[in-house]
PDB file of all heavy atoms in Angstrom:
ATOM      1  N   ALA A   1       0.835  -1.199   0.002  1.00  0.00           N
ATOM      2  CA  ALA A   1       0.000  -0.005  -0.002  1.00  0.00           C
ATOM      3  C   ALA A   1       0.876   1.249   0.000  1.00  0.00           C
ATOM      4  O   ALA A   1       0.574   2.243  -0.694  1.00  0.00           O
ATOM      5  CB  ALA A   1      -0.914  -0.006   1.216  1.00  0.00           C
ATOM      6  N   TRP A   2       1.939   1.228   0.782  1.00  0.00           N
ATOM      7  CA  TRP A   2       2.863   2.359   0.847  1.00  0.00           C
ATOM      8  C   TRP A   2       3.498   2.628  -0.521  1.00  0.00           C
ATOM      9  O   TRP A   2       3.581   3.755  -1.007  1.00  0.00           O
ATOM     10  CB  TRP A   2       3.923   2.066   1.900  1.00  0.00           C
ATOM     11  CG  TRP A   2       4.747   3.243   2.336  1.00  0.00           C
ATOM     12  CD1 TRP A   2       4.577   4.541   1.992  1.00  0.00           C
ATOM     13  CD2 TRP A   2       5.887   3.212   3.179  1.00  0.00           C
ATOM     14  NE1 TRP A   2       5.521   5.330   2.590  1.00  0.00           N
ATOM     15  CE2 TRP A   2       6.351   4.543   3.322  1.00  0.00           C
ATOM     16  CE3 TRP A   2       6.568   2.199   3.854  1.00  0.00           C
ATOM     17  CZ2 TRP A   2       7.466   4.879   4.099  1.00  0.00           C
ATOM     18  CZ3 TRP A   2       7.671   2.518   4.638  1.00  0.00           C
ATOM     19  CH2 TRP A   2       8.101   3.842   4.752  1.00  0.00           C
ATOM     20  N   LEU A   3       3.966   1.532  -1.164  1.00  0.00           N
ATOM     21  CA  LEU A   3       4.629   1.665  -2.471  1.00  0.00           C
ATOM     22  C   LEU A   3       3.629   2.089  -3.545  1.00  0.00           C
ATOM     23  O   LEU A   3       3.971   2.872  -4.441  1.00  0.00           O
ATOM     24  CB  LEU A   3       5.278   0.337  -2.848  1.00  0.00           C
ATOM     25  CG  LEU A   3       6.405  -0.152  -1.929  1.00  0.00           C
ATOM     26  CD1 LEU A   3       6.913  -1.521  -2.374  1.00  0.00           C
ATOM     27  CD2 LEU A   3       7.551   0.847  -1.858  1.00  0.00           C
ATOM     28  N   THR A   4       2.399   1.554  -3.470  1.00  0.00           N
ATOM     29  CA  THR A   4       1.383   1.959  -4.444  1.00  0.00           C
ATOM     30  C   THR A   4       1.067   3.450  -4.316  1.00  0.00           C
ATOM     31  O   THR A   4       0.986   4.176  -5.321  1.00  0.00           O
ATOM     32  CB  THR A   4       0.091   1.145  -4.242  1.00  0.00           C
ATOM     33  OG1 THR A   4       0.387  -0.253  -4.391  1.00  0.00           O
ATOM     34  CG2 THR A   4      -0.975   1.532  -5.260  1.00  0.00           C
ATOM     35  N   GLN A   5       0.919   3.928  -3.099  1.00  0.00           N
ATOM     36  CA  GLN A   5       0.647   5.336  -2.859  1.00  0.00           C
ATOM     37  C   GLN A   5       1.818   6.212  -3.312  1.00  0.00           C
ATOM     38  O   GLN A   5       1.618   7.350  -3.746  1.00  0.00           O
ATOM     39  CB  GLN A   5       0.376   5.554  -1.373  1.00  0.00           C
ATOM     40  CG  GLN A   5       0.015   6.992  -1.016  1.00  0.00           C
ATOM     41  CD  GLN A   5      -0.383   7.125   0.435  1.00  0.00           C
ATOM     42  OE1 GLN A   5      -1.453   6.665   0.848  1.00  0.00           O
ATOM     43  NE2 GLN A   5       0.464   7.740   1.249  1.00  0.00           N
ATOM     44  N   ALA A   6       3.042   5.672  -3.223  1.00  0.00           N
ATOM     45  CA  ALA A   6       4.226   6.417  -3.638  1.00  0.00           C
ATOM     46  C   ALA A   6       4.423   6.408  -5.147  1.00  0.00           C
ATOM     47  O   ALA A   6       5.381   7.008  -5.652  1.00  0.00           O
ATOM     48  CB  ALA A   6       5.468   5.846  -2.943  1.00  0.00           C
ATOM     49  N   GLY A   7       3.571   5.702  -5.891  1.00  0.00           N
ATOM     50  CA  GLY A   7       3.653   5.689  -7.339  1.00  0.00           C
ATOM     51  C   GLY A   7       4.599   4.662  -7.929  1.00  0.00           C
ATOM     52  O   GLY A   7       4.963   4.739  -9.112  1.00  0.00           O
ATOM     53  N   VAL A   8       4.998   3.681  -7.135  1.00  0.00           N
ATOM     54  CA  VAL A   8       5.874   2.613  -7.637  1.00  0.00           C
ATOM     55  C   VAL A   8       5.069   1.718  -8.570  1.00  0.00           C
ATOM     56  O   VAL A   8       3.888   1.439  -8.325  1.00  0.00           O
ATOM     57  CB  VAL A   8       6.463   1.794  -6.458  1.00  0.00           C
ATOM     58  CG1 VAL A   8       7.352   0.661  -6.958  1.00  0.00           C
ATOM     59  CG2 VAL A   8       7.243   2.712  -5.517  1.00  0.00           C
ATOM     60  N   SER A   9       5.674   1.241  -9.655  1.00  0.00           N
ATOM     61  CA  SER A   9       4.962   0.451 -10.663  1.00  0.00           C
ATOM     62  C   SER A   9       4.573  -0.925 -10.121  1.00  0.00           C
ATOM     63  O   SER A   9       5.185  -1.437  -9.162  1.00  0.00           O
ATOM     64  CB  SER A   9       5.834   0.268 -11.904  1.00  0.00           C
ATOM     65  OG  SER A   9       6.912  -0.598 -11.636  1.00  0.00           O
ATOM     66  N   LEU A  10       3.556  -1.541 -10.744  1.00  0.00           N
ATOM     67  CA  LEU A  10       3.123  -2.876 -10.331  1.00  0.00           C
ATOM     68  C   LEU A  10       4.246  -3.902 -10.452  1.00  0.00           C
ATOM     69  O   LEU A  10       4.401  -4.776  -9.605  1.00  0.00           O
ATOM     70  CB  LEU A  10       1.939  -3.339 -11.200  1.00  0.00           C
ATOM     71  CG  LEU A  10       0.539  -2.878 -10.799  1.00  0.00           C
ATOM     72  CD1 LEU A  10      -0.479  -3.431 -11.774  1.00  0.00           C
ATOM     73  CD2 LEU A  10       0.208  -3.276  -9.372  1.00  0.00           C
ATOM     74  N   GLY A  11       5.040  -3.798 -11.510  1.00  0.00           N
ATOM     75  CA  GLY A  11       6.143  -4.726 -11.691  1.00  0.00           C
ATOM     76  C   GLY A  11       7.146  -4.649 -10.548  1.00  0.00           C
ATOM     77  O   GLY A  11       7.594  -5.676 -10.015  1.00  0.00           O
ATOM     78  N   GLU A  12       7.479  -3.435 -10.126  1.00  0.00           N
ATOM     79  CA  GLU A  12       8.425  -3.257  -9.020  1.00  0.00           C
ATOM     80  C   GLU A  12       7.822  -3.713  -7.697  1.00  0.00           C
ATOM     81  O   GLU A  12       8.509  -4.300  -6.852  1.00  0.00           O
ATOM     82  CB  GLU A  12       8.861  -1.800  -8.925  1.00  0.00           C
ATOM     83  CG  GLU A  12       9.777  -1.360 -10.060  1.00  0.00           C
ATOM     84  CD  GLU A  12      10.131   0.118  -9.972  1.00  0.00           C
ATOM     85  OE1 GLU A  12       9.205   0.948  -9.840  1.00  0.00           O
ATOM     86  OE2 GLU A  12      11.337   0.443 -10.046  1.00  0.00           O
ATOM     87  N   ILE A  13       6.529  -3.453  -7.519  1.00  0.00           N
ATOM     88  CA  ILE A  13       5.873  -3.922  -6.303  1.00  0.00           C
ATOM     89  C   ILE A  13       5.914  -5.448  -6.231  1.00  0.00           C
ATOM     90  O   ILE A  13       6.156  -6.035  -5.170  1.00  0.00           O
ATOM     91  CB  ILE A  13       4.412  -3.417  -6.243  1.00  0.00           C
ATOM     92  CG1 ILE A  13       4.405  -1.891  -6.069  1.00  0.00           C
ATOM     93  CG2 ILE A  13       3.660  -4.074  -5.099  1.00  0.00           C
ATOM     94  CD1 ILE A  13       3.005  -1.281  -6.149  1.00  0.00           C
ATOM     95  N   GLY A  14       5.662  -6.100  -7.366  1.00  0.00           N
ATOM     96  CA  GLY A  14       5.747  -7.552  -7.408  1.00  0.00           C
ATOM     97  C   GLY A  14       7.129  -8.062  -7.063  1.00  0.00           C
ATOM     98  O   GLY A  14       7.285  -9.053  -6.346  1.00  0.00           O
ATOM     99  N   LEU A  15       8.159  -7.356  -7.522  1.00  0.00           N
ATOM    100  CA  LEU A  15       9.531  -7.754  -7.230  1.00  0.00           C
ATOM    101  C   LEU A  15       9.855  -7.661  -5.747  1.00  0.00           C
ATOM    102  O   LEU A  15      10.759  -8.361  -5.251  1.00  0.00           O
ATOM    103  CB  LEU A  15      10.517  -6.896  -8.028  1.00  0.00           C
ATOM    104  CG  LEU A  15      10.564  -7.149  -9.535  1.00  0.00           C
ATOM    105  CD1 LEU A  15      11.482  -6.147 -10.223  1.00  0.00           C
ATOM    106  CD2 LEU A  15      11.030  -8.581  -9.831  1.00  0.00           C
ATOM    107  N   PHE A  16       9.136  -6.827  -5.016  1.00  0.00           N
ATOM    108  CA  PHE A  16       9.374  -6.707  -3.576  1.00  0.00           C
ATOM    109  C   PHE A  16       9.030  -8.007  -2.844  1.00  0.00           C
ATOM    110  O   PHE A  16       9.393  -8.174  -1.675  1.00  0.00           O
ATOM    111  CB  PHE A  16       8.587  -5.530  -2.992  1.00  0.00           C
ATOM    112  CG  PHE A  16       9.437  -4.321  -2.745  1.00  0.00           C
ATOM    113  CD1 PHE A  16       9.762  -3.481  -3.807  1.00  0.00           C
ATOM    114  CD2 PHE A  16       9.939  -4.023  -1.481  1.00  0.00           C
ATOM    115  CE1 PHE A  16      10.558  -2.354  -3.599  1.00  0.00           C
ATOM    116  CE2 PHE A  16      10.728  -2.922  -1.278  1.00  0.00           C
ATOM    117  CZ  PHE A  16      11.049  -2.078  -2.332  1.00  0.00           C
ATOM    118  N   ALA A  17       8.326  -8.912  -3.503  1.00  0.00           N
ATOM    119  CA  ALA A  17       8.086 -10.220  -2.886  1.00  0.00           C
ATOM    120  C   ALA A  17       9.399 -10.951  -2.609  1.00  0.00           C
ATOM    121  O   ALA A  17       9.454 -11.833  -1.749  1.00  0.00           O
ATOM    122  CB  ALA A  17       7.201 -11.079  -3.793  1.00  0.00           C
ATOM    123  N   LEU A  18      10.457 -10.568  -3.325  1.00  0.00           N
ATOM    124  CA  LEU A  18      11.759 -11.222  -3.128  1.00  0.00           C
ATOM    125  C   LEU A  18      12.361 -10.951  -1.755  1.00  0.00           C
ATOM    126  O   LEU A  18      13.254 -11.676  -1.319  1.00  0.00           O
ATOM    127  CB  LEU A  18      12.741 -10.765  -4.220  1.00  0.00           C
ATOM    128  CG  LEU A  18      12.424 -11.246  -5.640  1.00  0.00           C
ATOM    129  CD1 LEU A  18      13.369 -10.599  -6.637  1.00  0.00           C
ATOM    130  CD2 LEU A  18      12.500 -12.770  -5.735  1.00  0.00           C
ATOM    131  N   VAL A  19      11.895  -9.897  -1.068  1.00  0.00           N
ATOM    132  CA  VAL A  19      12.422  -9.664   0.287  1.00  0.00           C
ATOM    133  C   VAL A  19      12.002 -10.801   1.217  1.00  0.00           C
ATOM    134  O   VAL A  19      12.555 -10.942   2.318  1.00  0.00           O
ATOM    135  CB  VAL A  19      11.979  -8.313   0.861  1.00  0.00           C
ATOM    136  CG1 VAL A  19      12.383  -7.174  -0.055  1.00  0.00           C
ATOM    137  CG2 VAL A  19      10.468  -8.282   1.136  1.00  0.00           C
ATOM    138  N   GLY A  20      11.028 -11.609   0.796  1.00  0.00           N
ATOM    139  CA  GLY A  20      10.608 -12.749   1.603  1.00  0.00           C
ATOM    140  C   GLY A  20      11.445 -13.986   1.406  1.00  0.00           C
ATOM    141  O   GLY A  20      11.088 -15.054   1.911  1.00  0.00           O
ATOM    142  N   ILE A  21      12.566 -13.880   0.689  1.00  0.00           N
ATOM    143  CA  ILE A  21      13.424 -15.054   0.478  1.00  0.00           C
ATOM    144  C   ILE A  21      13.803 -15.750   1.787  1.00  0.00           C
ATOM    145  O   ILE A  21      13.882 -16.989   1.820  1.00  0.00           O
ATOM    146  CB  ILE A  21      14.678 -14.647  -0.331  1.00  0.00           C
ATOM    147  CG1 ILE A  21      14.307 -14.460  -1.805  1.00  0.00           C
ATOM    148  CG2 ILE A  21      15.790 -15.693  -0.213  1.00  0.00           C
ATOM    149  CD1 ILE A  21      15.447 -14.003  -2.691  1.00  0.00           C
ATOM    150  N   PRO A  22      14.075 -15.025   2.885  1.00  0.00           N
ATOM    151  CA  PRO A  22      14.401 -15.737   4.138  1.00  0.00           C
ATOM    152  C   PRO A  22      13.375 -16.778   4.538  1.00  0.00           C
ATOM    153  O   PRO A  22      13.745 -17.792   5.175  1.00  0.00           O
ATOM    154  CB  PRO A  22      14.490 -14.602   5.170  1.00  0.00           C
ATOM    155  CG  PRO A  22      14.937 -13.425   4.384  1.00  0.00           C
ATOM    156  CD  PRO A  22      14.248 -13.563   3.046  1.00  0.00           C
ATOM    157  N   TYR A  23      12.114 -16.610   4.186  1.00  0.00           N
ATOM    158  CA  TYR A  23      11.096 -17.610   4.546  1.00  0.00           C
ATOM    159  C   TYR A  23      11.321 -18.922   3.792  1.00  0.00           C
ATOM    160  O   TYR A  23      10.777 -19.959   4.202  1.00  0.00           O
ATOM    161  CB  TYR A  23       9.705 -17.079   4.224  1.00  0.00           C
ATOM    162  CG  TYR A  23       9.254 -15.941   5.117  1.00  0.00           C
ATOM    163  CD1 TYR A  23       9.268 -14.624   4.661  1.00  0.00           C
ATOM    164  CD2 TYR A  23       8.831 -16.178   6.412  1.00  0.00           C
ATOM    165  CE1 TYR A  23       8.863 -13.575   5.462  1.00  0.00           C
ATOM    166  CE2 TYR A  23       8.410 -15.134   7.241  1.00  0.00           C
ATOM    167  CZ  TYR A  23       8.444 -13.832   6.751  1.00  0.00           C
ATOM    168  OH  TYR A  23       8.039 -12.796   7.560  1.00  0.00           O
ATOM    169  N   THR A  24      12.074 -18.888   2.705  1.00  0.00           N
ATOM    170  CA  THR A  24      12.306 -20.103   1.918  1.00  0.00           C
ATOM    171  C   THR A  24      13.626 -20.781   2.235  1.00  0.00           C
ATOM    172  O   THR A  24      13.924 -21.832   1.686  1.00  0.00           O
ATOM    173  CB  THR A  24      12.279 -19.772   0.411  1.00  0.00           C
ATOM    174  OG1 THR A  24      13.431 -18.992   0.067  1.00  0.00           O
ATOM    175  CG2 THR A  24      11.031 -19.001   0.036  1.00  0.00           C
ATOM    176  N   ILE A  25      14.448 -20.173   3.102  1.00  0.00           N
ATOM    177  CA  ILE A  25      15.757 -20.755   3.414  1.00  0.00           C
ATOM    178  C   ILE A  25      15.944 -20.946   4.916  1.00  0.00           C
ATOM    179  O   ILE A  25      17.059 -20.915   5.427  1.00  0.00           O
ATOM    180  CB  ILE A  25      16.910 -19.891   2.844  1.00  0.00           C
ATOM    181  CG1 ILE A  25      16.824 -18.450   3.356  1.00  0.00           C
ATOM    182  CG2 ILE A  25      16.888 -19.914   1.315  1.00  0.00           C
ATOM    183  CD1 ILE A  25      18.001 -17.572   2.956  1.00  0.00           C
ATOM    184  N   LYS A  26      14.844 -21.144   5.634  1.00  0.00           N
ATOM    185  CA  LYS A  26      14.917 -21.275   7.082  1.00  0.00           C
ATOM    186  C   LYS A  26      15.763 -22.465   7.536  1.00  0.00           C
ATOM    187  O   LYS A  26      16.307 -22.478   8.628  1.00  0.00           O
ATOM    188  CB  LYS A  26      13.497 -21.361   7.673  1.00  0.00           C
ATOM    189  CG  LYS A  26      12.732 -20.069   7.577  1.00  0.00           C
ATOM    190  CD  LYS A  26      11.410 -20.136   8.321  1.00  0.00           C
ATOM    191  CE  LYS A  26      10.372 -20.918   7.612  1.00  0.00           C
ATOM    192  NZ  LYS A  26       9.049 -20.838   8.251  1.00  0.00           N
ATOM    193  N   PHE A  27      15.862 -23.459   6.679  1.00  0.00           N
ATOM    194  CA  PHE A  27      16.638 -24.653   7.040  1.00  0.00           C
ATOM    195  C   PHE A  27      18.131 -24.361   7.149  1.00  0.00           C
ATOM    196  O   PHE A  27      18.893 -25.171   7.690  1.00  0.00           O
ATOM    197  CB  PHE A  27      16.408 -25.764   6.007  1.00  0.00           C
ATOM    198  CG  PHE A  27      16.748 -25.369   4.593  1.00  0.00           C
ATOM    199  CD1 PHE A  27      18.025 -25.521   4.106  1.00  0.00           C
ATOM    200  CD2 PHE A  27      15.772 -24.862   3.750  1.00  0.00           C
ATOM    201  CE1 PHE A  27      18.340 -25.163   2.811  1.00  0.00           C
ATOM    202  CE2 PHE A  27      16.071 -24.484   2.446  1.00  0.00           C
ATOM    203  CZ  PHE A  27      17.373 -24.639   1.975  1.00  0.00           C
ATOM    204  N   LEU A  28      18.596 -23.205   6.650  1.00  0.00           N
ATOM    205  CA  LEU A  28      20.030 -22.888   6.710  1.00  0.00           C
ATOM    206  C   LEU A  28      20.473 -22.562   8.126  1.00  0.00           C
ATOM    207  O   LEU A  28      21.583 -22.915   8.542  1.00  0.00           O
ATOM    208  CB  LEU A  28      20.360 -21.723   5.772  1.00  0.00           C
ATOM    209  CG  LEU A  28      20.198 -21.977   4.286  1.00  0.00           C
ATOM    210  CD1 LEU A  28      20.582 -20.740   3.479  1.00  0.00           C
ATOM    211  CD2 LEU A  28      21.050 -23.170   3.843  1.00  0.00           C
ATOM    212  N   TRP A  29      19.653 -21.842   8.896  1.00  0.00           N
ATOM    213  CA  TRP A  29      20.044 -21.498  10.258  1.00  0.00           C
ATOM    214  C   TRP A  29      19.387 -22.384  11.302  1.00  0.00           C
ATOM    215  O   TRP A  29      19.798 -22.360  12.463  1.00  0.00           O
ATOM    216  CB  TRP A  29      19.704 -20.022  10.553  1.00  0.00           C
ATOM    217  CG  TRP A  29      18.279 -19.646  10.287  1.00  0.00           C
ATOM    218  CD1 TRP A  29      17.173 -19.972  10.998  1.00  0.00           C
ATOM    219  CD2 TRP A  29      17.814 -18.859   9.183  1.00  0.00           C
ATOM    220  NE1 TRP A  29      16.055 -19.465  10.424  1.00  0.00           N
ATOM    221  CE2 TRP A  29      16.408 -18.761   9.312  1.00  0.00           C
ATOM    222  CE3 TRP A  29      18.436 -18.220   8.115  1.00  0.00           C
ATOM    223  CZ2 TRP A  29      15.622 -18.056   8.394  1.00  0.00           C
ATOM    224  CZ3 TRP A  29      17.656 -17.531   7.217  1.00  0.00           C
ATOM    225  CH2 TRP A  29      16.276 -17.446   7.359  1.00  0.00           C
ATOM    226  N   ALA A  30      18.396 -23.176  10.930  1.00  0.00           N
ATOM    227  CA  ALA A  30      17.710 -24.025  11.904  1.00  0.00           C
ATOM    228  C   ALA A  30      18.639 -24.991  12.636  1.00  0.00           C
ATOM    229  O   ALA A  30      18.462 -25.201  13.846  1.00  0.00           O
ATOM    230  CB  ALA A  30      16.579 -24.778  11.213  1.00  0.00           C
ATOM    231  N   PRO A  31      19.650 -25.612  11.969  1.00  0.00           N
ATOM    232  CA  PRO A  31      20.527 -26.517  12.714  1.00  0.00           C
ATOM    233  C   PRO A  31      21.258 -25.839  13.874  1.00  0.00           C
ATOM    234  O   PRO A  31      21.491 -26.476  14.921  1.00  0.00           O
ATOM    235  CB  PRO A  31      21.534 -26.979  11.641  1.00  0.00           C
ATOM    236  CG  PRO A  31      20.788 -26.869  10.357  1.00  0.00           C
ATOM    237  CD  PRO A  31      19.934 -25.649  10.519  1.00  0.00           C
ATOM    238  N   PHE A  32      21.617 -24.568  13.739  1.00  0.00           N
ATOM    239  CA  PHE A  32      22.258 -23.859  14.837  1.00  0.00           C
ATOM    240  C   PHE A  32      21.302 -23.725  16.028  1.00  0.00           C
ATOM    241  O   PHE A  32      21.725 -23.784  17.190  1.00  0.00           O
ATOM    242  CB  PHE A  32      22.713 -22.470  14.375  1.00  0.00           C
ATOM    243  CG  PHE A  32      23.829 -22.492  13.367  1.00  0.00           C
ATOM    244  CD1 PHE A  32      23.553 -22.559  12.017  1.00  0.00           C
ATOM    245  CD2 PHE A  32      25.157 -22.491  13.769  1.00  0.00           C
ATOM    246  CE1 PHE A  32      24.573 -22.598  11.073  1.00  0.00           C
ATOM    247  CE2 PHE A  32      26.186 -22.535  12.853  1.00  0.00           C
ATOM    248  CZ  PHE A  32      25.903 -22.583  11.487  1.00  0.00           C
ATOM    249  N   MET A  33      20.012 -23.571  15.727  1.00  0.00           N
ATOM    250  CA  MET A  33      19.030 -23.423  16.791  1.00  0.00           C
ATOM    251  C   MET A  33      18.688 -24.761  17.433  1.00  0.00           C
ATOM    252  O   MET A  33      18.203 -24.800  18.554  1.00  0.00           O
ATOM    253  CB  MET A  33      17.772 -22.743  16.237  1.00  0.00           C
ATOM    254  CG  MET A  33      18.041 -21.336  15.759  1.00  0.00           C
ATOM    255  SD  MET A  33      16.642 -20.590  14.901  1.00  0.00           S
ATOM    256  CE  MET A  33      17.257 -18.901  14.716  1.00  0.00           C
ATOM    257  N   ASP A  34      18.908 -25.851  16.711  1.00  0.00           N
ATOM    258  CA  ASP A  34      18.763 -27.178  17.296  1.00  0.00           C
ATOM    259  C   ASP A  34      19.965 -27.551  18.155  1.00  0.00           C
ATOM    260  O   ASP A  34      19.827 -28.226  19.178  1.00  0.00           O
ATOM    261  CB  ASP A  34      18.592 -28.231  16.193  1.00  0.00           C
ATOM    262  CG  ASP A  34      17.142 -28.414  15.760  1.00  0.00           C
ATOM    263  OD1 ASP A  34      16.253 -28.100  16.566  1.00  0.00           O
ATOM    264  OD2 ASP A  34      16.918 -28.879  14.631  1.00  0.00           O
ATOM    265  N   ARG A  35      21.143 -27.096  17.748  1.00  0.00           N
ATOM    266  CA  ARG A  35      22.395 -27.519  18.393  1.00  0.00           C
ATOM    267  C   ARG A  35      22.767 -26.652  19.597  1.00  0.00           C
ATOM    268  O   ARG A  35      23.224 -27.179  20.621  1.00  0.00           O
ATOM    269  CB  ARG A  35      23.528 -27.485  17.358  1.00  0.00           C
ATOM    270  CG  ARG A  35      24.933 -27.756  17.954  1.00  0.00           C
ATOM    271  CD  ARG A  35      25.036 -29.156  18.523  1.00  0.00           C
ATOM    272  NE  ARG A  35      26.329 -29.391  19.144  1.00  0.00           N
ATOM    273  CZ  ARG A  35      26.642 -29.121  20.405  1.00  0.00           C
ATOM    274  NH1 ARG A  35      25.717 -28.564  21.198  1.00  0.00           N
ATOM    275  NH2 ARG A  35      27.837 -29.389  20.893  1.00  0.00           N
ATOM    276  N   TYR A  36      22.612 -25.338  19.499  1.00  0.00           N
ATOM    277  CA  TYR A  36      23.150 -24.439  20.526  1.00  0.00           C
ATOM    278  C   TYR A  36      22.042 -23.852  21.392  1.00  0.00           C
ATOM    279  O   TYR A  36      20.943 -23.554  20.912  1.00  0.00           O
ATOM    280  CB  TYR A  36      23.964 -23.309  19.872  1.00  0.00           C
ATOM    281  CG  TYR A  36      25.163 -23.835  19.109  1.00  0.00           C
ATOM    282  CD1 TYR A  36      25.182 -23.800  17.711  1.00  0.00           C
ATOM    283  CD2 TYR A  36      26.247 -24.380  19.773  1.00  0.00           C
ATOM    284  CE1 TYR A  36      26.272 -24.299  17.008  1.00  0.00           C
ATOM    285  CE2 TYR A  36      27.336 -24.879  19.072  1.00  0.00           C
ATOM    286  CZ  TYR A  36      27.338 -24.831  17.686  1.00  0.00           C
ATOM    287  OH  TYR A  36      28.417 -25.322  17.001  1.00  0.00           O
ATOM    288  N   VAL A  37      22.374 -23.659  22.672  1.00  0.00           N
ATOM    289  CA  VAL A  37      21.426 -23.149  23.663  1.00  0.00           C
ATOM    290  C   VAL A  37      21.916 -21.802  24.158  1.00  0.00           C
ATOM    291  O   VAL A  37      23.022 -21.701  24.689  1.00  0.00           O
ATOM    292  CB  VAL A  37      21.267 -24.110  24.851  1.00  0.00           C
ATOM    293  CG1 VAL A  37      20.262 -23.568  25.850  1.00  0.00           C
ATOM    294  CG2 VAL A  37      20.852 -25.502  24.361  1.00  0.00           C
ATOM    295  N   PRO A  38      21.134 -20.723  24.004  1.00  0.00           N
ATOM    296  CA  PRO A  38      21.527 -19.418  24.554  1.00  0.00           C
ATOM    297  C   PRO A  38      21.691 -19.488  26.075  1.00  0.00           C
ATOM    298  O   PRO A  38      21.128 -20.377  26.730  1.00  0.00           O
ATOM    299  CB  PRO A  38      20.352 -18.506  24.165  1.00  0.00           C
ATOM    300  CG  PRO A  38      19.726 -19.179  22.990  1.00  0.00           C
ATOM    301  CD  PRO A  38      19.881 -20.646  23.239  1.00  0.00           C
ATOM    302  N   PRO A  39      22.442 -18.566  26.662  1.00  0.00           N
ATOM    303  CA  PRO A  39      22.725 -18.639  28.115  1.00  0.00           C
ATOM    304  C   PRO A  39      21.511 -18.414  28.998  1.00  0.00           C
ATOM    305  O   PRO A  39      21.527 -18.818  30.161  1.00  0.00           O
ATOM    306  CB  PRO A  39      23.766 -17.533  28.317  1.00  0.00           C
ATOM    307  CG  PRO A  39      23.605 -16.613  27.147  1.00  0.00           C
ATOM    308  CD  PRO A  39      23.191 -17.468  26.005  1.00  0.00           C
ATOM    309  N   LEU A  40      20.461 -17.770  28.472  1.00  0.00           N
ATOM    310  CA  LEU A  40      19.277 -17.496  29.277  1.00  0.00           C
ATOM    311  C   LEU A  40      18.026 -18.046  28.614  1.00  0.00           C
ATOM    312  O   LEU A  40      17.928 -18.096  27.397  1.00  0.00           O
ATOM    313  CB  LEU A  40      19.117 -15.980  29.489  1.00  0.00           C
ATOM    314  CG  LEU A  40      20.227 -15.272  30.266  1.00  0.00           C
ATOM    315  CD1 LEU A  40      19.974 -13.763  30.272  1.00  0.00           C
ATOM    316  CD2 LEU A  40      20.342 -15.802  31.691  1.00  0.00           C
ATOM    317  N   LEU A  41      17.072 -18.492  29.424  1.00  0.00           N
ATOM    318  CA  LEU A  41      15.706 -18.867  29.037  1.00  0.00           C
ATOM    319  C   LEU A  41      15.593 -20.201  28.322  1.00  0.00           C
ATOM    320  O   LEU A  41      14.490 -20.653  28.036  1.00  0.00           O
ATOM    321  CB  LEU A  41      15.062 -17.794  28.138  1.00  0.00           C
ATOM    322  CG  LEU A  41      14.907 -16.400  28.764  1.00  0.00           C
ATOM    323  CD1 LEU A  41      14.272 -15.440  27.753  1.00  0.00           C
ATOM    324  CD2 LEU A  41      14.051 -16.460  30.023  1.00  0.00           C
ATOM    325  N   GLY A  42      16.672 -20.883  28.000  1.00  0.00           N
ATOM    326  CA  GLY A  42      16.584 -22.188  27.370  1.00  0.00           C
ATOM    327  C   GLY A  42      16.759 -22.145  25.869  1.00  0.00           C
ATOM    328  O   GLY A  42      16.873 -21.071  25.261  1.00  0.00           O
ATOM    329  N   ARG A  43      16.756 -23.333  25.248  1.00  0.00           N
ATOM    330  CA  ARG A  43      17.059 -23.418  23.815  1.00  0.00           C
ATOM    331  C   ARG A  43      16.025 -22.700  22.959  1.00  0.00           C
ATOM    332  O   ARG A  43      16.407 -21.925  22.075  1.00  0.00           O
ATOM    333  CB  ARG A  43      17.157 -24.901  23.406  1.00  0.00           C
ATOM    334  CG  ARG A  43      17.442 -25.074  21.916  1.00  0.00           C
ATOM    335  CD  ARG A  43      17.818 -26.483  21.538  1.00  0.00           C
ATOM    336  NE  ARG A  43      16.736 -27.430  21.751  1.00  0.00           N
ATOM    337  CZ  ARG A  43      16.640 -28.600  21.081  1.00  0.00           C
ATOM    338  NH1 ARG A  43      17.564 -28.933  20.195  1.00  0.00           N
ATOM    339  NH2 ARG A  43      15.651 -29.415  21.326  1.00  0.00           N
TER     340      ARG A  43
END
């Protein structure tokens, strides 16, 4: 909505979906969260 109001084109707005790439690569950092436990509050 912000980009549309700012006059950004539909094509560029669609490309902003790429900022969601981290949602597709969660398995890259998940092993660290399975293996290591922070010092407070538990794993």
